[in-house]
Protein backbone atom coordinates (compact mmCIF):
# COMPACT_ATOMS: atom_id res chain seq x y z
CA MET A 1 4.09 10.61 -7.81
CA THR A 2 5.84 10.64 -11.15
CA SER A 3 3.96 9.48 -14.21
CA GLY A 4 6.25 6.46 -14.30
CA SER A 5 5.47 5.49 -10.71
CA ARG A 6 1.76 6.00 -11.27
CA SER A 7 1.88 3.83 -14.37
CA ALA A 8 3.83 1.16 -12.48
CA LEU A 9 1.28 1.08 -9.66
CA ALA A 10 -1.59 0.97 -12.14
CA ALA A 11 0.08 -1.98 -13.87
CA ASP A 12 0.86 -3.87 -10.67
CA ARG A 13 -2.52 -2.98 -9.11
CA VAL A 14 -1.85 -4.20 -5.58
CA ILE A 15 0.05 -3.10 -2.49
CA ALA A 16 0.67 -5.76 0.15
CA VAL A 17 0.16 -4.18 3.58
CA VAL A 18 2.21 -5.99 6.21
CA ARG A 19 0.76 -5.62 9.69
CA ALA A 20 2.55 -8.08 11.96
CA PRO A 21 3.97 -7.98 15.50
CA VAL A 22 7.35 -9.10 14.18
CA ILE A 23 9.05 -9.50 10.81
CA PRO A 24 11.96 -11.97 10.93
CA ASP A 25 13.54 -10.68 7.70
CA ALA A 26 11.88 -8.03 5.56
CA ALA A 27 14.20 -8.72 2.64
CA GLU A 28 13.07 -12.36 2.54
CA LEU A 29 9.49 -11.21 2.95
CA CYS A 30 9.79 -8.94 -0.08
CA ALA A 31 11.45 -11.66 -2.12
CA ALA A 32 8.63 -14.07 -1.26
CA LEU A 33 5.93 -11.60 -2.31
CA LEU A 34 7.76 -10.68 -5.49
CA ALA A 35 7.99 -14.37 -6.39
CA GLY A 36 4.20 -14.44 -6.15
CA GLY A 37 3.76 -11.43 -8.39
CA VAL A 38 3.28 -8.69 -5.78
CA ARG A 39 5.83 -5.90 -6.21
CA TRP A 40 4.55 -3.11 -3.95
CA VAL A 41 5.10 -3.75 -0.24
CA GLU A 42 4.01 -1.47 2.59
CA LEU A 43 5.57 -2.14 5.97
CA THR A 44 3.67 -0.43 8.78
CA CYS A 45 4.56 1.54 11.88
CA THR A 46 2.55 -0.92 14.00
CA THR A 47 5.54 -3.29 13.75
CA PRO A 48 7.93 -2.24 16.56
CA ASP A 49 11.21 -2.43 14.61
CA VAL A 50 9.76 -1.46 11.25
CA VAL A 51 12.40 1.16 10.45
CA ASP A 52 15.22 -1.36 10.89
CA GLN A 53 13.38 -3.89 8.75
CA LEU A 54 12.66 -1.28 6.10
CA ALA A 55 16.34 -0.40 5.94
CA LEU A 56 17.27 -4.08 5.66
CA ALA A 57 14.90 -4.65 2.77
CA ALA A 58 15.94 -1.44 1.01
CA ALA A 59 19.61 -2.38 1.24
CA ALA A 60 18.87 -5.82 -0.20
CA ASP A 61 17.48 -4.25 -3.38
CA THR A 62 14.82 -6.94 -3.76
CA GLY A 63 13.10 -5.30 -6.72
CA CYS A 64 10.03 -4.42 -4.66
CA ARG A 65 8.65 -0.91 -4.27
CA LEU A 66 8.98 -0.36 -0.53
CA GLY A 67 6.81 2.01 1.46
CA LEU A 68 6.14 2.86 5.08
CA GLY A 69 2.51 2.86 6.20
CA THR A 70 0.41 3.88 9.19
CA VAL A 71 2.58 6.99 9.34
CA LEU A 72 1.09 9.46 11.81
CA THR A 73 3.90 11.86 12.69
CA ALA A 74 6.63 13.88 11.03
CA ASP A 75 9.28 11.94 12.97
CA GLN A 76 7.95 8.63 11.64
CA ALA A 77 7.95 10.06 8.13
CA ARG A 78 11.55 11.26 8.38
CA ALA A 79 12.71 7.93 9.82
CA GLY A 80 10.99 5.99 7.06
CA ILE A 81 12.45 8.13 4.31
CA ALA A 82 15.93 7.87 5.84
CA ALA A 83 15.55 4.08 5.93
CA GLY A 84 14.70 3.93 2.24
CA ALA A 85 10.91 4.24 1.95
CA GLU A 86 9.93 5.09 -1.62
CA TYR A 87 6.49 6.28 -0.54
CA LEU A 88 4.56 6.96 2.66
CA VAL A 89 1.00 5.93 3.51
CA THR A 90 -1.27 7.38 6.20
CA PRO A 91 -4.62 6.18 7.55
CA ALA A 92 -5.98 9.75 7.54
CA CYS A 93 -5.09 13.25 6.38
CA ARG A 94 -1.87 14.05 8.25
CA ALA A 95 -0.55 17.50 7.35
CA GLU A 96 2.81 17.08 9.08
CA VAL A 97 3.49 13.82 7.24
CA ALA A 98 2.54 15.40 3.94
CA GLN A 99 4.90 18.30 4.61
CA VAL A 100 7.86 16.00 5.29
CA ALA A 101 7.10 13.96 2.18
CA ARG A 102 6.79 17.07 0.04
CA GLU A 103 10.10 18.49 1.30
CA ALA A 104 11.83 15.16 0.63
CA GLY A 105 10.24 14.66 -2.77
CA VAL A 106 8.69 11.37 -1.68
CA PRO A 107 5.11 10.48 -2.72
CA VAL A 108 2.54 10.24 0.05
CA PHE A 109 -0.75 8.35 -0.14
CA LEU A 110 -3.01 10.10 2.34
CA GLY A 111 -5.96 8.29 3.85
CA ALA A 112 -9.44 9.78 3.44
CA LEU A 113 -13.06 8.72 3.23
CA THR A 114 -15.48 11.59 2.67
CA PRO A 115 -15.40 13.97 -0.32
CA THR A 116 -14.25 16.73 2.04
CA GLU A 117 -11.37 14.60 3.33
CA VAL A 118 -10.42 13.71 -0.23
CA ALA A 119 -10.25 17.43 -1.05
CA GLN A 120 -8.07 18.00 2.02
CA ALA A 121 -5.72 15.22 0.90
CA VAL A 122 -5.45 16.82 -2.52
CA ASP A 123 -4.71 20.22 -0.96
CA LEU A 124 -1.96 18.62 1.15
CA GLY A 125 -0.28 17.27 -1.99
CA ALA A 126 -1.25 13.60 -1.91
CA ALA A 127 0.17 11.67 -4.84
CA ALA A 128 -2.82 9.34 -4.43
CA VAL A 129 -5.68 9.17 -1.95
CA LYS A 130 -6.23 5.98 0.00
CA ILE A 131 -9.96 5.43 0.50
CA PHE A 132 -10.27 3.78 3.91
CA PRO A 133 -12.18 1.76 4.99
CA ALA A 134 -13.23 0.90 1.45
CA ARG A 135 -15.24 -2.24 2.23
CA ALA A 136 -17.65 -0.30 4.42
CA PHE A 137 -18.87 1.71 1.44
CA GLY A 138 -18.20 -0.73 -1.40
CA PRO A 139 -16.78 -0.42 -4.92
CA GLY A 140 -19.60 1.84 -6.09
CA TYR A 141 -18.41 4.54 -3.70
CA LEU A 142 -15.18 4.89 -5.68
CA LYS A 143 -17.23 5.37 -8.84
CA ASP A 144 -19.14 8.14 -7.08
CA LEU A 145 -15.89 9.83 -6.03
CA ARG A 146 -14.60 9.67 -9.58
CA GLY A 147 -17.42 12.06 -10.55
CA PRO A 148 -16.01 15.17 -8.84
CA TYR A 149 -12.45 13.83 -8.88
CA PRO A 150 -12.11 12.22 -12.34
CA ASP A 151 -8.33 12.38 -12.58
CA LEU A 152 -7.38 11.69 -8.97
CA PRO A 153 -5.59 8.38 -8.28
CA LEU A 154 -7.60 6.44 -5.69
CA ILE A 155 -6.39 3.40 -3.75
CA ALA A 156 -8.94 1.12 -2.09
CA SER A 157 -7.90 -0.06 1.37
CA GLY A 158 -9.59 -1.85 4.24
CA GLY A 159 -11.42 -5.12 3.76
CA VAL A 160 -10.18 -5.64 0.21
CA ASP A 161 -9.70 -9.28 -0.75
CA SER A 162 -9.81 -11.55 -3.78
CA THR A 163 -13.62 -11.50 -3.82
CA ASN A 164 -13.96 -7.74 -4.29
CA ALA A 165 -10.61 -6.41 -5.50
CA THR A 166 -11.50 -6.58 -9.19
CA ALA A 167 -14.74 -4.70 -8.50
CA PHE A 168 -12.84 -1.86 -6.84
CA LEU A 169 -10.46 -1.71 -9.79
CA ALA A 170 -13.36 -1.77 -12.25
CA GLN A 171 -14.99 1.17 -10.45
CA GLY A 172 -11.95 3.39 -10.73
CA ALA A 173 -9.34 2.36 -8.16
CA LEU A 174 -5.78 2.81 -9.40
CA ALA A 175 -4.77 -0.04 -7.08
CA VAL A 176 -5.94 -1.95 -4.02
CA CYS A 177 -4.31 -2.74 -0.70
CA ALA A 178 -4.16 -6.42 0.24
CA GLY A 179 -3.77 -7.27 3.90
CA SER A 180 -4.36 -10.48 5.81
CA GLU A 181 -5.36 -12.55 2.78
CA VAL A 182 -1.87 -12.10 1.31
CA VAL A 183 0.27 -11.36 4.36
CA PRO A 184 -1.40 -12.84 7.47
CA ALA A 185 0.41 -11.82 10.62
CA ALA A 186 1.02 -15.40 11.77
CA ALA A 187 2.70 -16.43 8.52
CA VAL A 188 4.83 -13.29 8.50
CA ALA A 189 5.92 -13.76 12.11
CA ALA A 190 6.75 -17.43 11.43
CA GLY A 191 8.82 -16.54 8.37
CA ASP A 192 6.72 -18.87 6.22
CA TRP A 193 7.93 -17.38 2.96
CA ALA A 194 6.61 -20.23 0.80
CA GLU A 195 3.12 -19.63 2.17
CA LEU A 196 3.36 -15.91 1.43
CA THR A 197 4.47 -16.63 -2.13
CA ARG A 198 1.50 -18.97 -2.54
CA ARG A 199 -0.90 -16.36 -1.21
CA ALA A 200 0.57 -13.58 -3.36
CA ARG A 201 0.36 -15.79 -6.43
CA ALA A 202 -3.28 -16.66 -5.68
CA PHE A 203 -4.24 -13.01 -5.21
CA SER A 204 -2.42 -12.02 -8.40
CA ALA A 205 -4.26 -14.77 -10.28
CA ALA A 206 -7.59 -13.56 -8.90
CA LEU A 207 -6.87 -10.06 -10.23
CA ALA A 208 -6.01 -11.56 -13.59
CA GLY A 209 -9.17 -13.66 -13.57
CA GLY A 210 -7.40 -16.98 -13.65
CA ALA A 211 -6.21 -19.82 -11.48
CA PRO A 212 -2.89 -19.67 -9.65
CA GLY A 213 -0.06 -21.34 -11.48
């Protein structure tokens, strides 16, 4: 991750993780989230036609930072990059995904939990390490990890919502992943873009410590 990208993620602080059985229009989805103040959007490989939707959103140039998540294989990584993914995200340390990302010059956020797994992610060239599932260990766990890894960008994922996101950020997370609170599968599948904008705005306001406008 370039210093500019790292600074941008630190400023935006949240990645919306879209896990839905269908996405009617990823470009409209991105536009809705951006209108609510969420710029980083991670589409996931659990959506059957995710590569096509990623390409659609990338071509639309919505202004969002688009990534492909739940990447488990080298083939998925290559397809995502070809479709326009600006970063890849894995749920665990996946060496073959990291290799594809490294060869393509695309940042990869590797999933890890234990200190040993974090070290493995670093060795594989992770631009940031996604601590998953973060809720199971709580915000204080990130503070503990910052002891041996003081300069490593950490992203809190799994069970993060408006009630605990600021705590994870305060304890050293570079950013947090927001899932069903911001992008519930039913609203995504229904193409309820106004609802997604409302949810994104509410989450953004919670991070800022205020009420949604």
